[in-house]
Amino acid sequence: MANIDKSHIIDRALLSGENYFSSILHEACVSGILTENDLKKLQIQCIEFLAYKCERYNSGDSSSIRVEIAESIMKSNLYTIGIFLKSLLDVDSTALQLKTETISEMYQKGRKIIDTKFRTTKHIYLMMQKNKIDNPNYTYNATIADKGIGIFFNTYNLDFEAHESPASIDYQICNPVDDLVGVEFIQKYTGNLLCENQFCRYFDSTIIHHLLCGYNDKYENLLINIFEQVLTTALGCIMVGQDPISLNITQEDICILRINLNMSVKELTATVRLAYNRLVSLLDIKSPSVKTYIEMSLPKVTINIFNAVKFDTISNVFPPLKDLNLLPKIRFFSNEKMENNEYRKIIEELISCRSSSNKLALVNEKIHTFGDLEDVLLDAEFSNAEIEMMFNILSEVELATLINRHLITDIMAEELSETELNLRSCLQRHVEQLNYNKRKRILEIVDFIVEE
């Protein structure tokens, strides 16, 4: 009984993963494990150890270090000590460790653990690079690259900035890493992404690409999680008796899912769990870490499906496969532009003309190619109302081409001239004011248009 009574003095759930040392110090004082004298002793040791580390940082001179650097070194020291304290299994024993060991001793033990974690994390990262899937999503590839997570292994300062995580990470994993910093964050993130890659590699990369195109034609530039979409669709295939490897859910399957999954969250949780068990068996997934990671993802998948059924958006959760290469194309040709001298005369005439209706008549009479009309919109000093008037004379294909050139573009706003920015703004406003059916039709044309 004595051991049982002693074992839950400090609630581990109250401890911060990011600031573990500070949080356990606080809880140890609140619970009475540490006295006020113990706390003062530790505070003095922390300051003395900081002075030692600042002297090392400054090559022997501790008197001229900037305040923000000293603060960062202190955070690094406490983080490193926290790493050691986390390694102790019993949280109450961890608190008692603060009474028996010095700050310097705990730091040295934590520093060795960080060394090991750093080497382990680099190994995980190299494995993750090797098992990445072939996919064009930008943030996925950029994050895995040497200039993404790879930055960490060249710039991480274990001695003075152990709490930092220098890396370029934009890809959103299914199970985000919360309440961790430093090497712990990178280790957890790379481990999670490694599991996501391992699961996705059970499926053909081309089929995954077609699945994500079904979700959004422009998914390459979206912050989308590949694993989550693949897992959700594979589970959906199981639920309708389809081969999960195909990732192919038809419109008929959608109708079945809409009816069969109209249930409570509790019932849906059990249904998804059964599908998961079947999926693991069919794919012959043996890796404990991959299975654990999938299980962690099931609540999120379940809620997404539940909300999709509730709000009748289930086709968004289970998108169809879409091969963009097989879709029909609209080929747009624009004839050669007029000679420069002739074009300048028309621009001068348009600028001097005061009547909007006369300007429209002049454009209808003299401008015969899309390229010239596009130039006129930029050069003729039209008012916004006159630009809107010009938009109204365009065919749907011409308007779609203008949208493709000026709205769906990688060109940043700061790279555009004032007239180009204004044209973009007017075009955006025009599209937003179109009735739903016409806007939908024109935006569909944008997806299929090919300029030649």
Protein backbone atom coordinates (compact mmCIF):
# COMPACT_ATOMS: atom_id res chain seq x y z
CA MET A 1 0.00 0.00 0.00
CA ALA A 2 2.83 2.39 0.75
CA ASN A 3 4.08 2.20 -2.82
CA ILE A 4 0.58 2.77 -4.23
CA ASP A 5 0.01 5.80 -2.01
CA LYS A 6 3.32 7.29 -3.07
CA SER A 7 2.90 6.80 -6.80
CA HIS A 8 0.41 9.48 -7.84
CA ILE A 9 1.54 12.59 -6.01
CA ILE A 10 2.22 14.41 -9.28
CA ASP A 11 -0.21 14.12 -12.20
CA ARG A 12 1.83 13.55 -15.37
CA ALA A 13 -0.98 15.10 -17.43
CA LEU A 14 -0.20 18.48 -15.83
CA LEU A 15 3.41 18.46 -17.08
CA SER A 16 4.43 20.39 -20.18
CA GLY A 17 6.27 18.51 -22.91
CA GLU A 18 7.82 21.75 -24.11
CA ASN A 19 8.80 23.15 -20.70
CA TYR A 20 9.13 19.93 -18.73
CA PHE A 21 11.70 21.10 -16.18
CA SER A 22 9.73 24.22 -15.21
CA SER A 23 6.44 22.35 -14.99
CA ILE A 24 7.75 19.49 -12.85
CA LEU A 25 9.51 22.01 -10.63
CA HIS A 26 6.21 23.78 -10.10
CA GLU A 27 4.26 20.57 -9.42
CA ALA A 28 6.97 19.28 -7.04
CA CYS A 29 6.71 22.49 -5.02
CA VAL A 30 2.89 22.44 -5.00
CA SER A 31 2.84 18.80 -3.89
CA GLY A 32 5.40 19.43 -1.15
CA ILE A 33 8.12 17.18 -2.57
CA LEU A 34 10.36 20.24 -2.86
CA THR A 35 10.66 22.82 -0.09
CA GLU A 36 11.23 26.53 -0.55
CA ASN A 37 14.90 25.99 0.33
CA ASP A 38 15.17 23.27 -2.31
CA LEU A 39 13.74 25.67 -4.89
CA LYS A 40 16.16 28.47 -3.94
CA LYS A 41 19.07 26.04 -4.14
CA LEU A 42 18.06 24.98 -7.65
CA GLN A 43 17.57 28.57 -8.76
CA ILE A 44 21.08 29.52 -7.59
CA GLN A 45 22.54 26.48 -9.36
CA CYS A 46 20.69 27.42 -12.58
CA ILE A 47 22.17 30.93 -12.49
CA GLU A 48 25.66 29.64 -11.75
CA PHE A 49 25.41 27.11 -14.56
CA LEU A 50 24.12 29.81 -16.92
CA ALA A 51 27.19 31.94 -16.12
CA TYR A 52 29.41 28.97 -16.94
CA LYS A 53 27.62 28.34 -20.25
CA CYS A 54 27.69 32.04 -21.20
CA GLU A 55 31.43 32.09 -20.59
CA ARG A 56 31.84 29.08 -22.88
CA TYR A 57 29.61 30.71 -25.50
CA ASN A 58 31.64 33.90 -25.37
CA SER A 59 35.05 32.18 -25.42
CA GLY A 60 35.88 32.95 -21.82
CA ASP A 61 34.27 36.39 -21.52
CA SER A 62 30.87 36.30 -19.80
CA SER A 63 30.54 40.05 -19.24
CA SER A 64 29.51 41.19 -22.76
CA ILE A 65 26.80 38.75 -23.78
CA ARG A 66 23.45 40.13 -24.96
CA VAL A 67 20.43 39.60 -22.72
CA GLU A 68 18.42 37.75 -25.39
CA ILE A 69 21.31 35.33 -25.98
CA ALA A 70 21.62 34.66 -22.25
CA GLU A 71 17.86 34.02 -22.08
CA SER A 72 18.10 31.59 -25.00
CA ILE A 73 21.00 29.73 -23.37
CA MET A 74 18.98 29.43 -20.15
CA LYS A 75 16.04 27.96 -22.11
CA SER A 76 18.46 25.54 -23.76
CA ASN A 77 19.86 24.48 -20.37
CA LEU A 78 16.42 23.89 -18.87
CA TYR A 79 15.27 22.01 -21.97
CA THR A 80 18.30 19.71 -21.77
CA ILE A 81 17.70 19.04 -18.08
CA GLY A 82 14.04 18.37 -18.89
CA ILE A 83 15.11 15.76 -21.45
CA PHE A 84 16.93 13.87 -18.69
CA LEU A 85 14.04 14.14 -16.25
CA LYS A 86 11.64 12.83 -18.90
CA SER A 87 13.79 9.72 -19.27
CA LEU A 88 13.01 8.71 -15.69
CA LEU A 89 10.01 6.41 -15.62
CA ASP A 90 8.37 7.39 -12.34
CA VAL A 91 7.32 11.02 -12.22
CA ASP A 92 7.48 11.29 -8.42
CA SER A 93 10.98 9.82 -8.42
CA THR A 94 11.82 12.40 -11.05
CA ALA A 95 10.78 15.16 -8.68
CA LEU A 96 12.88 13.62 -5.89
CA GLN A 97 15.84 13.61 -8.31
CA LEU A 98 15.78 17.41 -8.08
CA LYS A 99 16.68 17.10 -4.38
CA THR A 100 19.64 14.76 -4.86
CA GLU A 101 21.38 15.82 -8.10
CA THR A 102 22.88 19.13 -9.10
CA ILE A 103 21.81 21.14 -12.13
CA SER A 104 25.18 20.47 -13.77
CA GLU A 105 24.88 16.68 -13.30
CA MET A 106 21.36 16.59 -14.69
CA TYR A 107 22.39 18.75 -17.63
CA GLN A 108 25.26 16.44 -18.59
CA LYS A 109 22.95 13.42 -18.51
CA GLY A 110 20.39 15.28 -20.62
CA ARG A 111 23.08 16.34 -23.08
CA LYS A 112 24.03 12.69 -23.69
CA ILE A 113 20.38 11.84 -24.32
CA ILE A 114 20.08 14.69 -26.83
CA ASP A 115 23.18 13.38 -28.64
CA THR A 116 21.50 9.99 -28.96
CA LYS A 117 18.20 11.51 -30.05
CA PHE A 118 19.96 13.62 -32.67
CA ARG A 119 21.66 10.57 -34.22
CA THR A 120 18.42 8.55 -34.07
CA THR A 121 16.44 11.35 -35.66
CA LYS A 122 18.93 11.71 -38.50
CA HIS A 123 18.61 7.97 -39.16
CA ILE A 124 14.81 8.26 -39.21
CA TYR A 125 15.07 11.23 -41.58
CA LEU A 126 17.28 9.32 -44.02
CA MET A 127 14.82 6.39 -43.91
CA MET A 128 11.97 8.82 -44.52
CA GLN A 129 13.72 10.27 -47.57
CA LYS A 130 14.22 6.77 -48.99
CA ASN A 131 10.61 5.71 -48.52
CA LYS A 132 8.96 8.96 -49.72
CA ILE A 133 6.25 8.45 -52.29
CA ASP A 134 6.37 9.80 -55.82
CA ASN A 135 3.94 12.70 -55.66
CA PRO A 136 3.98 16.27 -57.04
CA ASN A 137 2.61 17.99 -53.92
CA TYR A 138 4.96 20.94 -53.32
CA THR A 139 4.90 21.16 -49.51
CA TYR A 140 5.38 17.39 -49.18
CA ASN A 141 8.51 17.39 -51.33
CA ALA A 142 9.88 20.68 -49.99
CA THR A 143 9.54 19.55 -46.37
CA ILE A 144 11.30 16.22 -46.93
CA ALA A 145 14.12 17.84 -48.94
CA ASP A 146 17.55 18.85 -47.61
CA LYS A 147 16.33 22.45 -47.55
CA GLY A 148 13.31 21.42 -45.49
CA ILE A 149 13.78 19.13 -42.51
CA GLY A 150 17.37 18.59 -43.65
CA ILE A 151 18.29 22.10 -42.48
CA PHE A 152 17.94 20.88 -38.90
CA PHE A 153 20.85 18.47 -39.09
CA ASN A 154 23.24 21.16 -40.33
CA THR A 155 22.20 23.99 -38.03
CA TYR A 156 20.97 22.48 -34.75
CA ASN A 157 23.04 23.85 -31.85
CA LEU A 158 22.97 21.15 -29.16
CA ASP A 159 24.96 23.20 -26.65
CA PHE A 160 23.32 26.61 -26.69
CA GLU A 161 20.01 26.31 -28.60
CA ALA A 162 18.85 22.78 -27.82
CA HIS A 163 15.24 23.99 -27.49
CA GLU A 164 15.13 25.29 -31.07
CA SER A 165 14.00 23.32 -34.16
CA PRO A 166 15.67 25.05 -37.12
CA ALA A 167 13.98 23.57 -40.19
CA SER A 168 11.55 24.51 -42.96
CA ILE A 169 8.44 22.41 -42.31
CA ASP A 170 5.17 23.27 -44.07
CA TYR A 171 3.66 19.85 -44.76
CA GLN A 172 0.76 19.11 -42.44
CA ILE A 173 0.90 15.55 -41.11
CA CYS A 174 -2.30 13.75 -40.08
CA ASN A 175 -1.35 13.69 -36.38
CA PRO A 176 0.33 17.04 -35.63
CA VAL A 177 3.16 17.21 -33.11
CA ASP A 178 2.09 19.38 -30.18
CA ASP A 179 3.89 20.47 -27.00
CA LEU A 180 7.36 19.43 -28.18
CA VAL A 181 10.33 21.49 -29.34
CA GLY A 182 13.96 20.95 -30.25
CA VAL A 183 15.16 17.52 -31.31
CA GLU A 184 12.07 15.94 -29.71
CA PHE A 185 9.81 17.77 -32.15
CA ILE A 186 11.89 16.82 -35.20
CA GLN A 187 12.16 13.20 -34.03
CA LYS A 188 8.40 12.92 -33.52
CA TYR A 189 7.55 14.70 -36.78
CA THR A 190 9.92 12.61 -38.90
CA GLY A 191 8.73 9.43 -37.18
CA ASN A 192 5.11 10.28 -37.95
CA LEU A 193 5.87 11.13 -41.56
CA LEU A 194 7.90 7.92 -41.92
CA CYS A 195 4.80 5.95 -40.84
CA GLU A 196 2.61 7.90 -43.28
CA ASN A 197 5.03 7.12 -46.12
CA GLN A 198 5.20 3.44 -45.19
CA PHE A 199 1.41 3.16 -45.33
CA CYS A 200 1.07 5.06 -48.60
CA ARG A 201 3.67 2.82 -50.25
CA TYR A 202 1.16 -0.05 -50.10
CA PHE A 203 -0.64 1.83 -52.91
CA ASP A 204 0.40 2.72 -56.45
CA SER A 205 1.67 6.32 -56.58
CA THR A 206 -0.19 6.99 -59.85
CA ILE A 207 -3.49 5.90 -58.28
CA ILE A 208 -2.78 8.16 -55.28
CA HIS A 209 -2.17 11.02 -57.71
CA HIS A 210 -5.50 10.34 -59.48
CA LEU A 211 -7.27 10.19 -56.10
CA LEU A 212 -5.89 13.56 -55.05
CA CYS A 213 -6.75 15.05 -58.47
CA GLY A 214 -10.30 13.90 -57.75
CA TYR A 215 -10.13 15.85 -54.51
CA ASN A 216 -8.75 18.96 -56.23
CA ASP A 217 -7.17 19.41 -59.67
CA LYS A 218 -4.65 21.84 -58.18
CA TYR A 219 -3.80 19.76 -55.11
CA GLU A 220 -0.08 20.02 -55.92
CA ASN A 221 -0.13 23.51 -54.39
CA LEU A 222 -2.49 22.78 -51.50
CA LEU A 223 -1.70 22.08 -47.85
CA ILE A 224 -3.22 18.61 -48.07
CA ASN A 225 -2.24 15.48 -46.14
CA ILE A 226 -1.76 12.59 -48.56
CA PHE A 227 -1.89 9.83 -45.94
CA GLU A 228 -5.22 10.95 -44.49
CA GLN A 229 -6.93 10.96 -47.90
CA VAL A 230 -5.49 7.57 -48.85
CA LEU A 231 -6.44 6.01 -45.49
CA THR A 232 -9.98 7.42 -45.60
CA THR A 233 -10.57 6.19 -49.14
CA ALA A 234 -9.08 2.76 -48.43
CA LEU A 235 -11.41 2.38 -45.44
CA GLY A 236 -14.32 3.50 -47.62
CA CYS A 237 -13.43 0.82 -50.17
CA ILE A 238 -13.52 -1.79 -47.41
CA MET A 239 -16.96 -0.56 -46.30
CA VAL A 240 -18.47 -1.07 -49.77
CA GLY A 241 -16.67 -4.32 -50.52
CA GLN A 242 -14.17 -2.86 -52.99
CA ASP A 243 -10.47 -3.69 -53.22
CA PRO A 244 -8.75 -1.03 -51.03
CA ILE A 245 -5.68 -1.10 -53.28
CA SER A 246 -7.79 0.37 -56.08
CA LEU A 247 -8.78 3.47 -54.03
CA ASN A 248 -11.74 3.56 -56.40
CA ILE A 249 -15.07 4.65 -54.94
CA THR A 250 -17.77 5.08 -57.58
CA GLN A 251 -20.87 7.27 -57.49
CA GLU A 252 -22.88 4.13 -56.73
CA ASP A 253 -20.57 3.45 -53.78
CA ILE A 254 -21.10 7.03 -52.57
CA CYS A 255 -24.86 6.44 -52.48
CA ILE A 256 -24.33 3.26 -50.47
CA LEU A 257 -21.98 4.99 -48.02
CA ARG A 258 -24.39 7.90 -47.59
CA ILE A 259 -27.10 5.47 -46.46
CA ASN A 260 -25.02 2.90 -44.57
CA LEU A 261 -22.93 5.42 -42.61
CA ASN A 262 -25.86 7.48 -41.39
CA MET A 263 -25.34 6.48 -37.76
CA SER A 264 -24.19 7.80 -34.39
CA VAL A 265 -20.55 8.64 -33.73
CA LYS A 266 -20.29 5.59 -31.46
CA GLU A 267 -21.66 3.27 -34.14
CA LEU A 268 -19.47 4.87 -36.82
CA THR A 269 -16.40 4.48 -34.61
CA ALA A 270 -17.06 0.74 -34.38
CA THR A 271 -17.68 0.52 -38.14
CA VAL A 272 -14.42 2.33 -38.96
CA ARG A 273 -12.54 0.11 -36.50
CA LEU A 274 -13.85 -3.04 -38.23
CA ALA A 275 -12.81 -1.62 -41.59
CA TYR A 276 -9.37 -0.84 -40.16
CA ASN A 277 -8.92 -4.41 -38.92
CA ARG A 278 -9.90 -5.72 -42.35
CA LEU A 279 -7.55 -3.26 -44.06
CA VAL A 280 -4.57 -4.31 -41.93
CA SER A 281 -5.29 -7.94 -42.77
CA LEU A 282 -5.71 -7.39 -46.52
CA LEU A 283 -2.58 -5.24 -46.84
CA ASP A 284 -0.68 -7.51 -44.45
CA ILE A 285 0.61 -4.55 -42.43
CA LYS A 286 3.06 -5.94 -39.90
CA SER A 287 4.84 -2.82 -38.63
CA PRO A 288 3.63 -2.06 -35.06
CA SER A 289 4.49 1.63 -35.46
CA VAL A 290 2.48 1.95 -38.68
CA LYS A 291 -0.51 0.17 -37.14
CA THR A 292 -0.31 2.37 -34.04
CA TYR A 293 -0.13 5.49 -36.20
CA ILE A 294 -3.17 4.45 -38.23
CA GLU A 295 -5.09 3.78 -35.00
CA MET A 296 -4.19 7.27 -33.80
CA SER A 297 -5.66 8.65 -37.04
CA LEU A 298 -8.99 6.79 -36.86
CA PRO A 299 -10.82 9.30 -34.59
CA LYS A 300 -10.04 12.12 -37.02
CA VAL A 301 -11.16 10.05 -40.01
CA THR A 302 -14.32 9.01 -38.16
CA ILE A 303 -15.32 12.60 -37.34
CA ASN A 304 -14.66 13.70 -40.93
CA ILE A 305 -16.94 10.95 -42.24
CA PHE A 306 -19.61 11.66 -39.62
CA ASN A 307 -19.71 15.38 -40.51
CA ALA A 308 -19.70 14.57 -44.24
CA VAL A 309 -22.77 12.34 -43.85
CA LYS A 310 -24.48 14.89 -41.63
CA PHE A 311 -23.94 17.82 -44.04
CA ASP A 312 -24.26 15.74 -47.24
CA THR A 313 -20.67 16.35 -48.38
CA ILE A 314 -19.58 12.73 -48.42
CA SER A 315 -18.34 12.93 -52.02
CA ASN A 316 -15.71 15.40 -50.78
CA VAL A 317 -14.44 12.87 -48.23
CA PHE A 318 -14.46 10.03 -50.77
CA PRO A 319 -13.48 11.74 -54.05
CA PRO A 320 -13.49 9.83 -57.36
CA LEU A 321 -10.30 8.93 -59.19
CA LYS A 322 -9.52 11.52 -61.82
CA ASP A 323 -6.89 11.16 -64.56
CA LEU A 324 -6.35 14.68 -65.88
CA ASN A 325 -4.62 13.32 -68.99
CA LEU A 326 -7.86 11.63 -70.08
CA LEU A 327 -10.06 14.70 -69.62
CA PRO A 328 -11.24 16.60 -72.72
CA LYS A 329 -9.19 19.69 -73.58
CA ILE A 330 -10.37 23.03 -74.92
CA ARG A 331 -7.69 24.35 -77.24
CA PHE A 332 -7.56 28.13 -77.38
CA PHE A 333 -5.91 29.89 -80.32
CA SER A 334 -5.31 33.64 -80.55
CA ASN A 335 -4.48 35.19 -83.91
CA GLU A 336 -1.42 37.39 -84.37
CA LYS A 337 -1.58 40.85 -82.85
CA MET A 338 -1.82 43.98 -85.00
CA GLU A 339 1.22 46.06 -85.90
CA ASN A 340 2.59 48.30 -83.14
CA ASN A 341 1.90 51.58 -84.98
CA GLU A 342 -1.72 50.68 -85.62
CA TYR A 343 -2.15 49.49 -82.02
CA ARG A 344 -0.73 52.75 -80.61
CA LYS A 345 -3.16 54.82 -82.68
CA ILE A 346 -6.11 52.84 -81.30
CA ILE A 347 -4.85 53.24 -77.72
CA GLU A 348 -4.46 57.01 -78.20
CA GLU A 349 -7.98 57.19 -79.63
CA LEU A 350 -9.40 55.17 -76.71
CA ILE A 351 -7.64 57.35 -74.10
CA SER A 352 -8.92 60.56 -75.71
CA CYS A 353 -12.47 59.21 -76.04
CA ARG A 354 -14.75 60.33 -73.21
CA SER A 355 -17.78 58.15 -73.87
CA SER A 356 -17.70 54.61 -72.51
CA SER A 357 -20.18 53.44 -75.15
CA ASN A 358 -17.97 54.91 -77.91
CA LYS A 359 -14.96 53.11 -76.42
CA LEU A 360 -16.87 49.82 -76.53
CA ALA A 361 -17.90 50.48 -80.13
CA LEU A 362 -14.28 51.29 -81.06
CA VAL A 363 -13.03 48.07 -79.45
CA ASN A 364 -15.69 46.04 -81.30
CA GLU A 365 -14.72 47.69 -84.57
CA LYS A 366 -10.92 47.71 -84.36
CA ILE A 367 -9.85 44.89 -81.99
CA HIS A 368 -10.08 41.43 -83.55
CA THR A 369 -7.73 39.22 -81.52
CA PHE A 370 -7.79 38.16 -77.88
CA GLY A 371 -4.14 39.19 -77.42
CA ASP A 372 -4.90 42.74 -78.55
CA LEU A 373 -7.99 42.92 -76.32
CA GLU A 374 -5.95 41.78 -73.32
CA ASP A 375 -3.37 44.49 -74.05
CA VAL A 376 -6.11 47.11 -74.43
CA LEU A 377 -7.47 46.25 -70.98
CA LEU A 378 -4.04 47.10 -69.57
CA ASP A 379 -3.07 50.08 -71.77
CA ALA A 380 -6.25 52.07 -72.53
CA GLU A 381 -6.61 53.60 -69.05
CA PHE A 382 -10.15 52.26 -68.66
CA SER A 383 -12.11 52.92 -65.50
CA ASN A 384 -13.15 49.89 -63.48
CA ALA A 385 -16.70 50.24 -64.84
CA GLU A 386 -15.35 50.24 -68.40
CA ILE A 387 -13.23 47.15 -67.69
CA GLU A 388 -16.37 45.42 -66.40
CA MET A 389 -18.13 46.47 -69.61
CA MET A 390 -15.34 44.87 -71.65
CA PHE A 391 -15.60 41.64 -69.65
CA ASN A 392 -19.26 41.41 -70.64
CA ILE A 393 -18.43 41.21 -74.36
CA LEU A 394 -16.07 38.25 -73.87
CA SER A 395 -17.12 34.70 -74.68
CA GLU A 396 -16.96 32.15 -71.84
CA VAL A 397 -13.80 30.63 -73.30
CA GLU A 398 -12.15 34.06 -73.57
CA LEU A 399 -13.13 34.91 -70.01
CA ALA A 400 -11.81 31.53 -68.83
CA THR A 401 -8.52 32.25 -70.63
CA LEU A 402 -8.29 35.64 -68.93
CA ILE A 403 -8.92 33.97 -65.55
CA ASN A 404 -6.27 31.36 -66.32
CA ARG A 405 -3.71 34.05 -67.14
CA HIS A 406 -4.45 36.59 -64.42
CA LEU A 407 -6.07 34.82 -61.47
CA ILE A 408 -4.74 31.25 -61.54
CA THR A 409 -1.07 32.13 -61.64
CA ASP A 410 2.07 31.73 -59.54
CA ILE A 411 3.01 35.39 -60.11
CA MET A 412 3.08 37.23 -56.78
CA ALA A 413 1.24 40.54 -56.37
CA GLU A 414 4.48 42.44 -55.75
CA GLU A 415 5.72 41.37 -59.19
CA LEU A 416 2.75 42.96 -60.99
CA SER A 417 2.35 46.52 -62.27
CA GLU A 418 -0.42 48.75 -60.93
CA THR A 419 -2.56 48.20 -64.04
CA GLU A 420 -2.05 44.40 -63.85
CA LEU A 421 -3.07 44.42 -60.19
CA ASN A 422 -6.18 46.44 -61.00
CA LEU A 423 -7.12 44.09 -63.86
CA ARG A 424 -6.72 41.11 -61.51
CA SER A 425 -8.91 42.82 -58.90
CA CYS A 426 -11.62 43.70 -61.44
CA LEU A 427 -11.57 40.17 -62.85
CA GLN A 428 -11.89 38.64 -59.37
CA ARG A 429 -14.86 40.91 -58.63
CA HIS A 430 -16.49 40.07 -61.98
CA VAL A 431 -16.20 36.31 -61.36
CA GLU A 432 -17.65 36.65 -57.86
CA GLN A 433 -20.68 38.55 -59.24
CA LEU A 434 -21.54 35.93 -61.87
CA ASN A 435 -24.52 33.73 -61.14
CA TYR A 436 -23.63 30.33 -59.70
CA ASN A 437 -24.22 28.24 -62.84
CA LYS A 438 -22.28 30.54 -65.17
CA ARG A 439 -19.40 30.85 -62.71
CA LYS A 440 -19.27 27.06 -62.29
CA ARG A 441 -19.31 26.56 -66.07
CA ILE A 442 -16.52 29.08 -66.70
CA LEU A 443 -14.31 27.70 -63.92
CA GLU A 444 -14.75 24.22 -65.38
CA ILE A 445 -13.56 25.56 -68.74
CA VAL A 446 -10.47 26.96 -66.97
CA ASP A 447 -9.57 23.41 -65.87
CA PHE A 448 -9.72 22.09 -69.44
CA ILE A 449 -8.28 24.99 -71.40
CA VAL A 450 -5.01 24.57 -73.30
CA GLU A 451 -3.51 27.65 -74.94
CA GLU A 452 -1.70 27.24 -78.26
